[in-house]
Protein backbone atom coordinates (compact mmCIF):
# COMPACT_ATOMS: atom_id res chain seq x y z
CA MET A 1 -4.31 4.86 4.21
CA MET A 2 -6.77 5.39 7.26
CA TYR A 3 -7.70 8.91 5.88
CA SER A 4 -8.46 7.35 2.55
CA VAL A 5 -10.44 4.27 3.70
CA SER A 6 -12.32 6.62 6.13
CA ARG A 7 -13.24 8.93 3.10
CA ARG A 8 -14.52 5.73 1.30
CA THR A 9 -16.80 4.38 4.28
CA HIS A 10 -19.94 5.49 2.39
CA GLU A 11 -18.90 3.65 -0.81
CA ILE A 12 -17.81 0.53 1.34
CA GLY A 13 -21.08 0.57 3.10
CA VAL A 14 -23.05 0.85 -0.27
CA ARG A 15 -20.94 -2.13 -1.74
CA VAL A 16 -21.67 -4.28 1.15
CA ALA A 17 -25.30 -3.30 1.06
CA LEU A 18 -25.44 -4.36 -2.48
CA GLY A 19 -24.19 -7.44 -1.73
CA ALA A 20 -20.13 -7.37 -2.11
CA GLU A 21 -18.44 -10.00 -0.50
CA ARG A 22 -16.07 -8.88 2.35
CA GLY A 23 -12.97 -10.20 0.56
CA ASP A 24 -13.83 -8.12 -2.65
CA VAL A 25 -13.90 -5.11 -0.47
CA LEU A 26 -10.72 -5.89 1.10
CA ARG A 27 -9.26 -6.67 -2.39
CA LEU A 28 -10.24 -3.22 -3.41
CA ALA A 29 -8.48 -1.27 -0.62
CA LEU A 30 -5.54 -3.31 -0.62
CA GLY A 31 -5.34 -3.29 -4.43
CA GLN A 32 -5.24 0.48 -4.23
CA ALA A 33 -2.53 0.42 -1.60
CA PHE A 34 -0.33 -2.09 -3.57
CA THR A 35 -0.66 0.09 -6.84
CA ILE A 36 0.61 3.18 -4.86
CA THR A 37 3.42 1.05 -3.19
CA ALA A 38 4.54 -0.72 -6.31
CA ALA A 39 5.02 2.73 -8.02
CA GLY A 40 7.00 4.07 -4.79
CA VAL A 41 9.02 1.19 -4.57
CA GLY A 42 9.78 1.08 -8.36
CA VAL A 43 10.91 4.57 -8.32
CA GLY A 44 12.84 4.13 -5.11
CA LEU A 45 14.67 1.18 -6.53
CA VAL A 46 15.69 3.19 -9.76
CA LEU A 47 17.05 5.93 -7.61
CA ALA A 48 18.78 3.69 -5.32
CA TYR A 49 20.60 2.05 -8.06
CA ALA A 50 21.39 5.42 -9.59
CA ALA A 51 22.80 6.67 -6.21
CA GLY A 52 24.83 3.63 -5.76
CA ARG A 53 26.52 3.99 -9.24
CA LEU A 54 27.35 7.58 -8.28
CA MET A 55 28.61 6.57 -4.94
CA ALA A 56 30.64 3.73 -6.45
CA SER A 57 32.44 6.03 -8.97
CA ASN A 58 33.37 8.40 -6.20
CA LEU A 59 34.21 6.37 -3.10
CA PHE A 60 36.49 3.44 -2.79
CA GLY A 61 35.11 0.24 -1.56
CA VAL A 62 31.43 1.03 -2.12
CA VAL A 63 29.58 -1.74 -3.76
CA ARG A 64 27.44 -0.42 -6.71
CA LEU A 65 24.65 -2.80 -6.47
CA GLU A 66 23.48 -4.82 -3.40
CA VAL A 67 20.62 -6.80 -4.76
CA THR A 68 19.78 -8.83 -1.51
CA THR A 69 19.54 -5.50 0.19
CA PHE A 70 17.57 -3.62 -2.33
CA LEU A 71 14.97 -6.58 -2.57
CA SER A 72 14.63 -7.35 1.09
CA LEU A 73 13.87 -3.55 1.70
CA ALA A 74 11.55 -3.55 -0.97
CA VAL A 75 9.82 -6.52 0.44
CA VAL A 76 9.64 -5.18 3.90
CA LEU A 77 8.30 -1.84 2.56
CA THR A 78 5.57 -3.68 0.59
CA ALA A 79 4.63 -5.64 3.54
CA VAL A 80 4.42 -2.68 5.87
CA SER A 81 2.26 -0.84 3.29
CA LEU A 82 -0.14 -3.51 3.03
CA LEU A 83 -0.51 -3.95 6.61
CA ALA A 84 -1.08 -0.22 7.01
CA ALA A 85 -3.98 -0.45 4.43
CA TYR A 86 -5.27 -3.72 5.84
CA ILE A 87 -6.24 -2.58 9.38
CA PRO A 88 -8.20 0.45 8.30
CA ALA A 89 -10.10 -1.60 5.60
CA ARG A 90 -10.84 -3.94 8.46
CA LYS A 91 -12.18 -1.07 10.38
CA ALA A 92 -14.39 -0.03 7.50
CA LEU A 93 -15.90 -3.45 7.07
CA ALA A 94 -17.00 -3.38 10.54
CA VAL A 95 -19.34 -0.46 9.73
CA ASP A 96 -23.07 -1.56 9.51
CA PRO A 97 -24.04 -0.74 5.93
CA ALA A 98 -27.36 0.78 7.12
CA VAL A 99 -25.30 3.35 9.37
CA ALA A 100 -23.05 4.14 6.41
CA LEU A 101 -25.89 4.77 4.19
CA ARG A 102 -27.64 7.02 6.56
CA ALA A 103 -24.57 9.21 7.27
CA GLU A 104 -24.82 10.86 4.04
């Protein structure tokens, strides 16, 4: 995420120079991270469910579907991902728009 945001520093500088609110820019960066995270968590939950069914059919005592574990891990992974996107986005907002525009 740091790399992605650092590549978009010029775009963020232009948006801020044109009058975009800081909240809008943060929402843009976090929205992109959330989209990627939601896709990854969705695919991961489907694969985890399939692996659980496979293991339950082959091993004795394995629970096929542990909903609380799946959901708690999905929430933790989503929170960590959004935090990983929030920190670089805040750093990019700290850049002066004039400096970002001159860098090009």
